[in-house]
Amino acid sequence: MGWRVFAIDALPEEPWRNGGGRTRTLAAQPREAGEPPWDWRISLATIEQSTAFSAFAGVDRGSVLLGTGQIQLSAEGESTLQMHQPGDTVAYRGEALWQAEVRRVELPLALLNVMTRRGAACARVQALREGAVLSGHVLAAVVVEGVWRVAATPHGEALMLSAGCCAVLDDAPGRAIAGCRIERVSTAGWLVAVSIELS
């Protein structure tokens, strides 16, 4: 059981299908056939203008605002969602036709996105400013500010992660990971923690 650690800026960018932004895939579990082509996906998006989000039928989504600015998500028949401060987190259904309105920001605006195929996986997405203990079949930590210590077990080898780094632990198929401890080392800072449970 080992962590994959990488700098987010080193990952390739891909344009959105509608041209409204760009995305970097941090981690995903592909599947052989069907749409979407994965059971779960963690990505970082940069939004360059107010735009529509692509629809993903049968998918649950979560987004975390990483930078300053405001974003409002609205869709017919759905409650309007607001993200006003870094760390604000929302959850929503992927099949709805969401319109993103960006306000009070120097573009582009950064969002961390987590998508899970309904019936195959579910995710918990948290913005953490203090330590926490995580569990799940897949764990990820995306450091936005500060320095953090991550250990898969109480006595396991620890990682030191700084801003702009991501660590993913997803190589224990069929076995949940329990007791992963995340601790802030610097006097201030925050990260996004993702826990994914497989069905």
C-alpha atoms as a PDB file:
ATOM      1  CA  MET A   1       0.000   0.000   0.000  1.00  0.00           C
ATOM      2  CA  GLY A   2       1.739   3.188  -1.139  1.00  0.00           C
ATOM      3  CA  TRP A   3       0.997   6.791  -1.936  1.00  0.00           C
ATOM      4  CA  ARG A   4       1.363   8.417  -5.327  1.00  0.00           C
ATOM      5  CA  VAL A   5       2.620  11.956  -4.797  1.00  0.00           C
ATOM      6  CA  PHE A   6       2.911  14.581  -7.525  1.00  0.00           C
ATOM      7  CA  ALA A   7       2.885  18.310  -8.226  1.00  0.00           C
ATOM      8  CA  ILE A   8      -0.448  19.371  -9.695  1.00  0.00           C
ATOM      9  CA  ASP A   9       1.154  21.908 -12.057  1.00  0.00           C
ATOM     10  CA  ALA A  10       3.157  19.082 -13.669  1.00  0.00           C
ATOM     11  CA  LEU A  11      -0.010  17.363 -14.937  1.00  0.00           C
ATOM     12  CA  PRO A  12      -1.209  18.032 -18.505  1.00  0.00           C
ATOM     13  CA  GLU A  13      -4.228  20.272 -19.060  1.00  0.00           C
ATOM     14  CA  GLU A  14      -7.175  19.435 -21.302  1.00  0.00           C
ATOM     15  CA  PRO A  15      -9.763  21.920 -22.622  1.00  0.00           C
ATOM     16  CA  TRP A  16     -13.406  21.493 -21.712  1.00  0.00           C
ATOM     17  CA  ARG A  17     -15.625  20.279 -24.509  1.00  0.00           C
ATOM     18  CA  ASN A  18     -17.532  23.585 -24.458  1.00  0.00           C
ATOM     19  CA  GLY A  19     -14.388  25.751 -24.267  1.00  0.00           C
ATOM     20  CA  GLY A  20     -15.372  27.335 -20.954  1.00  0.00           C
ATOM     21  CA  GLY A  21     -12.380  26.096 -18.990  1.00  0.00           C
ATOM     22  CA  ARG A  22      -9.558  23.601 -18.640  1.00  0.00           C
ATOM     23  CA  THR A  23      -9.053  20.546 -16.451  1.00  0.00           C
ATOM     24  CA  ARG A  24      -6.300  18.366 -15.009  1.00  0.00           C
ATOM     25  CA  THR A  25      -7.123  14.780 -13.991  1.00  0.00           C
ATOM     26  CA  LEU A  26      -5.541  14.021 -10.613  1.00  0.00           C
ATOM     27  CA  ALA A  27      -6.779  10.431 -10.362  1.00  0.00           C
ATOM     28  CA  ALA A  28      -9.481   8.200 -11.849  1.00  0.00           C
ATOM     29  CA  GLN A  29     -10.664   4.597 -11.988  1.00  0.00           C
ATOM     30  CA  PRO A  30     -11.451   3.774 -15.644  1.00  0.00           C
ATOM     31  CA  ARG A  31     -13.967   1.154 -16.693  1.00  0.00           C
ATOM     32  CA  GLU A  32     -14.032  -0.867 -19.895  1.00  0.00           C
ATOM     33  CA  ALA A  33     -17.344   0.271 -21.384  1.00  0.00           C
ATOM     34  CA  GLY A  34     -20.178   2.735 -20.907  1.00  0.00           C
ATOM     35  CA  GLU A  35     -20.569   6.365 -19.981  1.00  0.00           C
ATOM     36  CA  PRO A  36     -19.012   7.862 -18.016  1.00  0.00           C
ATOM     37  CA  PRO A  37     -15.768   5.981 -18.841  1.00  0.00           C
ATOM     38  CA  TRP A  38     -14.765   5.857 -15.147  1.00  0.00           C
ATOM     39  CA  ASP A  39     -16.222   4.820 -11.782  1.00  0.00           C
ATOM     40  CA  TRP A  40     -14.694   7.832 -10.046  1.00  0.00           C
ATOM     41  CA  ARG A  41     -12.605  10.833 -11.052  1.00  0.00           C
ATOM     42  CA  ILE A  42     -10.802  13.611  -9.156  1.00  0.00           C
ATOM     43  CA  SER A  43      -9.819  16.661 -11.181  1.00  0.00           C
ATOM     44  CA  LEU A  44      -8.858  20.307 -10.895  1.00  0.00           C
ATOM     45  CA  ALA A  45     -10.687  22.717 -13.195  1.00  0.00           C
ATOM     46  CA  THR A  46      -9.884  26.291 -14.098  1.00  0.00           C
ATOM     47  CA  ILE A  47     -12.944  28.247 -15.230  1.00  0.00           C
ATOM     48  CA  GLU A  48     -12.207  31.077 -17.646  1.00  0.00           C
ATOM     49  CA  GLN A  49     -15.718  32.542 -17.934  1.00  0.00           C
ATOM     50  CA  SER A  50     -19.284  32.067 -16.791  1.00  0.00           C
ATOM     51  CA  THR A  51     -20.282  28.895 -18.591  1.00  0.00           C
ATOM     52  CA  ALA A  52     -22.385  25.739 -18.629  1.00  0.00           C
ATOM     53  CA  PHE A  53     -21.104  22.550 -17.023  1.00  0.00           C
ATOM     54  CA  SER A  54     -21.220  19.341 -19.057  1.00  0.00           C
ATOM     55  CA  ALA A  55     -23.941  16.906 -17.991  1.00  0.00           C
ATOM     56  CA  PHE A  56     -22.974  13.474 -16.625  1.00  0.00           C
ATOM     57  CA  ALA A  57     -25.947  11.129 -16.314  1.00  0.00           C
ATOM     58  CA  GLY A  58     -25.866   8.827 -13.293  1.00  0.00           C
ATOM     59  CA  VAL A  59     -23.035  10.750 -11.629  1.00  0.00           C
ATOM     60  CA  ASP A  60     -22.819  12.495  -8.259  1.00  0.00           C
ATOM     61  CA  ARG A  61     -20.547  15.526  -8.145  1.00  0.00           C
ATOM     62  CA  GLY A  62     -18.774  17.561  -5.479  1.00  0.00           C
ATOM     63  CA  SER A  63     -16.833  20.804  -5.979  1.00  0.00           C
ATOM     64  CA  VAL A  64     -14.566  22.854  -3.714  1.00  0.00           C
ATOM     65  CA  LEU A  65     -13.631  26.485  -4.400  1.00  0.00           C
ATOM     66  CA  LEU A  66      -9.836  26.768  -4.184  1.00  0.00           C
ATOM     67  CA  GLY A  67      -9.217  30.452  -4.907  1.00  0.00           C
ATOM     68  CA  THR A  68     -10.755  33.832  -4.165  1.00  0.00           C
ATOM     69  CA  GLY A  69     -13.920  34.792  -5.954  1.00  0.00           C
ATOM     70  CA  GLN A  70     -17.509  33.633  -6.080  1.00  0.00           C
ATOM     71  CA  ILE A  71     -19.322  31.082  -8.181  1.00  0.00           C
ATOM     72  CA  GLN A  72     -23.039  30.336  -8.378  1.00  0.00           C
ATOM     73  CA  LEU A  73     -24.395  27.088  -9.830  1.00  0.00           C
ATOM     74  CA  SER A  74     -27.985  26.960 -11.009  1.00  0.00           C
ATOM     75  CA  ALA A  75     -30.076  24.410 -12.908  1.00  0.00           C
ATOM     76  CA  GLU A  76     -33.771  24.040 -13.637  1.00  0.00           C
ATOM     77  CA  GLY A  77     -35.507  22.111 -10.861  1.00  0.00           C
ATOM     78  CA  GLU A  78     -32.447  22.240  -8.571  1.00  0.00           C
ATOM     79  CA  SER A  79     -31.547  24.413  -5.581  1.00  0.00           C
ATOM     80  CA  THR A  80     -29.076  27.190  -6.395  1.00  0.00           C
ATOM     81  CA  LEU A  81     -25.594  26.511  -5.003  1.00  0.00           C
ATOM     82  CA  GLN A  82     -23.141  29.198  -3.852  1.00  0.00           C
ATOM     83  CA  MET A  83     -19.400  29.161  -3.245  1.00  0.00           C
ATOM     84  CA  HIS A  84     -18.138  32.458  -1.802  1.00  0.00           C
ATOM     85  CA  GLN A  85     -14.887  31.658   0.000  1.00  0.00           C
ATOM     86  CA  PRO A  86     -11.964  29.291  -0.497  1.00  0.00           C
ATOM     87  CA  GLY A  87     -12.958  25.926   0.956  1.00  0.00           C
ATOM     88  CA  ASP A  88     -16.690  26.274   0.263  1.00  0.00           C
ATOM     89  CA  THR A  89     -17.966  22.863  -0.862  1.00  0.00           C
ATOM     90  CA  VAL A  90     -21.124  21.855  -2.735  1.00  0.00           C
ATOM     91  CA  ALA A  91     -22.642  18.529  -3.837  1.00  0.00           C
ATOM     92  CA  TYR A  92     -24.986  18.115  -6.819  1.00  0.00           C
ATOM     93  CA  ARG A  93     -26.404  15.706  -9.400  1.00  0.00           C
ATOM     94  CA  GLY A  94     -24.433  15.368 -12.605  1.00  0.00           C
ATOM     95  CA  GLU A  95     -27.411  14.898 -14.939  1.00  0.00           C
ATOM     96  CA  ALA A  96     -28.742  18.421 -14.367  1.00  0.00           C
ATOM     97  CA  LEU A  97     -27.720  21.159 -16.833  1.00  0.00           C
ATOM     98  CA  TRP A  98     -25.772  23.388 -14.450  1.00  0.00           C
ATOM     99  CA  GLN A  99     -24.893  26.960 -15.369  1.00  0.00           C
ATOM    100  CA  ALA A 100     -21.879  28.434 -13.569  1.00  0.00           C
ATOM    101  CA  GLU A 101     -21.851  32.200 -13.002  1.00  0.00           C
ATOM    102  CA  VAL A 102     -18.462  33.551 -11.922  1.00  0.00           C
ATOM    103  CA  ARG A 103     -18.308  36.805  -9.946  1.00  0.00           C
ATOM    104  CA  ARG A 104     -15.727  39.087  -8.280  1.00  0.00           C
ATOM    105  CA  VAL A 105     -12.624  37.292  -9.394  1.00  0.00           C
ATOM    106  CA  GLU A 106      -9.597  37.635 -11.587  1.00  0.00           C
ATOM    107  CA  LEU A 107     -10.054  34.693 -13.920  1.00  0.00           C
ATOM    108  CA  PRO A 108      -9.348  31.833 -14.136  1.00  0.00           C
ATOM    109  CA  LEU A 109     -11.098  30.443 -11.064  1.00  0.00           C
ATOM    110  CA  ALA A 110      -9.953  27.073  -9.662  1.00  0.00           C
ATOM    111  CA  LEU A 111     -12.301  24.292  -8.529  1.00  0.00           C
ATOM    112  CA  LEU A 112     -11.488  20.815  -7.264  1.00  0.00           C
ATOM    113  CA  ASN A 113     -14.073  18.393  -8.668  1.00  0.00           C
ATOM    114  CA  VAL A 114     -14.906  14.863  -7.535  1.00  0.00           C
ATOM    115  CA  MET A 115     -17.279  12.718  -9.613  1.00  0.00           C
ATOM    116  CA  THR A 116     -18.533   9.216  -8.765  1.00  0.00           C
ATOM    117  CA  ARG A 117     -20.691   6.901 -10.855  1.00  0.00           C
ATOM    118  CA  ARG A 118     -23.848   6.214  -8.889  1.00  0.00           C
ATOM    119  CA  GLY A 119     -24.021   2.597  -7.774  1.00  0.00           C
ATOM    120  CA  ALA A 120     -20.260   2.112  -8.200  1.00  0.00           C
ATOM    121  CA  ALA A 121     -18.794   4.593  -5.718  1.00  0.00           C
ATOM    122  CA  CYS A 122     -19.584   7.490  -3.405  1.00  0.00           C
ATOM    123  CA  ALA A 123     -17.324  10.243  -2.111  1.00  0.00           C
ATOM    124  CA  ARG A 124     -16.877  12.470   0.904  1.00  0.00           C
ATOM    125  CA  VAL A 125     -15.125  15.762   0.129  1.00  0.00           C
ATOM    126  CA  GLN A 126     -13.870  18.004   2.962  1.00  0.00           C
ATOM    127  CA  ALA A 127     -11.940  21.248   3.219  1.00  0.00           C
ATOM    128  CA  LEU A 128      -9.732  20.773   6.296  1.00  0.00           C
ATOM    129  CA  ARG A 129      -7.920  23.413   8.309  1.00  0.00           C
ATOM    130  CA  GLU A 130      -7.152  21.095  11.218  1.00  0.00           C
ATOM    131  CA  GLY A 131      -6.141  17.433  11.445  1.00  0.00           C
ATOM    132  CA  ALA A 132      -8.477  14.550  10.707  1.00  0.00           C
ATOM    133  CA  VAL A 133      -8.580  10.758  10.411  1.00  0.00           C
ATOM    134  CA  LEU A 134      -9.819   9.394   7.084  1.00  0.00           C
ATOM    135  CA  SER A 135     -11.032   6.013   5.858  1.00  0.00           C
ATOM    136  CA  GLY A 136     -12.156   4.648   2.493  1.00  0.00           C
ATOM    137  CA  HIS A 137     -11.135   2.511  -0.476  1.00  0.00           C
ATOM    138  CA  VAL A 138      -9.486   5.551  -2.107  1.00  0.00           C
ATOM    139  CA  LEU A 139      -7.973   8.537  -0.294  1.00  0.00           C
ATOM    140  CA  ALA A 140      -6.614  11.770  -1.717  1.00  0.00           C
ATOM    141  CA  ALA A 141      -5.158  14.921  -0.171  1.00  0.00           C
ATOM    142  CA  VAL A 142      -4.781  18.111  -2.217  1.00  0.00           C
ATOM    143  CA  VAL A 143      -2.770  20.757  -0.356  1.00  0.00           C
ATOM    144  CA  VAL A 144      -3.857  24.324  -1.082  1.00  0.00           C
ATOM    145  CA  GLU A 145      -1.849  26.151   1.591  1.00  0.00           C
ATOM    146  CA  GLY A 146       0.702  25.231   4.246  1.00  0.00           C
ATOM    147  CA  VAL A 147       2.588  22.029   5.052  1.00  0.00           C
ATOM    148  CA  TRP A 148       0.820  18.818   6.084  1.00  0.00           C
ATOM    149  CA  ARG A 149       1.805  15.386   7.374  1.00  0.00           C
ATOM    150  CA  VAL A 150      -0.095  12.364   6.032  1.00  0.00           C
ATOM    151  CA  ALA A 151       0.276   8.802   7.367  1.00  0.00           C
ATOM    152  CA  ALA A 152      -1.728   5.797   6.158  1.00  0.00           C
ATOM    153  CA  THR A 153      -1.553   4.063   9.567  1.00  0.00           C
ATOM    154  CA  PRO A 154      -0.660   5.256  13.081  1.00  0.00           C
ATOM    155  CA  HIS A 155       2.811   3.682  12.782  1.00  0.00           C
ATOM    156  CA  GLY A 156       3.248   3.872   9.002  1.00  0.00           C
ATOM    157  CA  GLU A 157       5.639   5.999   7.004  1.00  0.00           C
ATOM    158  CA  ALA A 158       4.559   9.633   6.886  1.00  0.00           C
ATOM    159  CA  LEU A 159       4.524  12.008   3.938  1.00  0.00           C
ATOM    160  CA  MET A 160       5.192  15.724   4.145  1.00  0.00           C
ATOM    161  CA  LEU A 161       3.124  17.640   1.604  1.00  0.00           C
ATOM    162  CA  SER A 162       3.318  21.312   0.707  1.00  0.00           C
ATOM    163  CA  ALA A 163       1.054  23.632  -1.289  1.00  0.00           C
ATOM    164  CA  GLY A 164       0.436  22.497  -4.845  1.00  0.00           C
ATOM    165  CA  CYS A 165       1.017  18.803  -4.066  1.00  0.00           C
ATOM    166  CA  CYS A 166      -1.451  15.941  -4.280  1.00  0.00           C
ATOM    167  CA  ALA A 167      -1.193  12.475  -2.693  1.00  0.00           C
ATOM    168  CA  VAL A 168      -3.454   9.575  -3.717  1.00  0.00           C
ATOM    169  CA  LEU A 169      -3.762   6.163  -2.067  1.00  0.00           C
ATOM    170  CA  ASP A 170      -5.835   3.797  -4.229  1.00  0.00           C
ATOM    171  CA  ASP A 171      -3.891   0.542  -4.545  1.00  0.00           C
ATOM    172  CA  ALA A 172      -5.784  -1.584  -2.025  1.00  0.00           C
ATOM    173  CA  PRO A 173      -8.535  -3.105  -4.248  1.00  0.00           C
ATOM    174  CA  GLY A 174     -11.481  -4.499  -2.321  1.00  0.00           C
ATOM    175  CA  ARG A 175      -9.996  -3.401   1.002  1.00  0.00           C
ATOM    176  CA  ALA A 176     -10.902  -0.227   2.842  1.00  0.00           C
ATOM    177  CA  ILE A 177      -8.127   1.916   4.311  1.00  0.00           C
ATOM    178  CA  ALA A 178      -8.770   2.900   7.928  1.00  0.00           C
ATOM    179  CA  GLY A 179      -6.949   5.264  10.240  1.00  0.00           C
ATOM    180  CA  CYS A 180      -5.218   7.539   7.742  1.00  0.00           C
ATOM    181  CA  ARG A 181      -4.197  10.558   9.780  1.00  0.00           C
ATOM    182  CA  ILE A 182      -3.749  14.049   8.326  1.00  0.00           C
ATOM    183  CA  GLU A 183      -2.080  16.728  10.473  1.00  0.00           C
ATOM    184  CA  ARG A 184      -1.207  20.336   9.765  1.00  0.00           C
ATOM    185  CA  VAL A 185       2.477  21.055  10.412  1.00  0.00           C
ATOM    186  CA  SER A 186       2.584  24.752   9.513  1.00  0.00           C
ATOM    187  CA  THR A 187       0.903  27.378  11.701  1.00  0.00           C
ATOM    188  CA  ALA A 188      -1.786  27.924   9.054  1.00  0.00           C
ATOM    189  CA  GLY A 189      -3.034  26.306   5.885  1.00  0.00           C
ATOM    190  CA  TRP A 190      -5.739  24.094   4.446  1.00  0.00           C
ATOM    191  CA  LEU A 191      -6.225  21.137   2.161  1.00  0.00           C
ATOM    192  CA  VAL A 192      -9.000  19.179   0.474  1.00  0.00           C
ATOM    193  CA  ALA A 193      -9.405  15.575   1.633  1.00  0.00           C
ATOM    194  CA  VAL A 194     -11.308  13.080  -0.539  1.00  0.00           C
ATOM    195  CA  SER A 195     -12.527   9.691   0.720  1.00  0.00           C
ATOM    196  CA  ILE A 196     -14.126   7.341  -1.832  1.00  0.00           C
ATOM    197  CA  GLU A 197     -16.074   4.211  -0.899  1.00  0.00           C
ATOM    198  CA  LEU A 198     -16.522   1.573  -3.604  1.00  0.00           C
ATOM    199  CA  SER A 199     -19.807  -0.343  -3.851  1.00  0.00           C
END
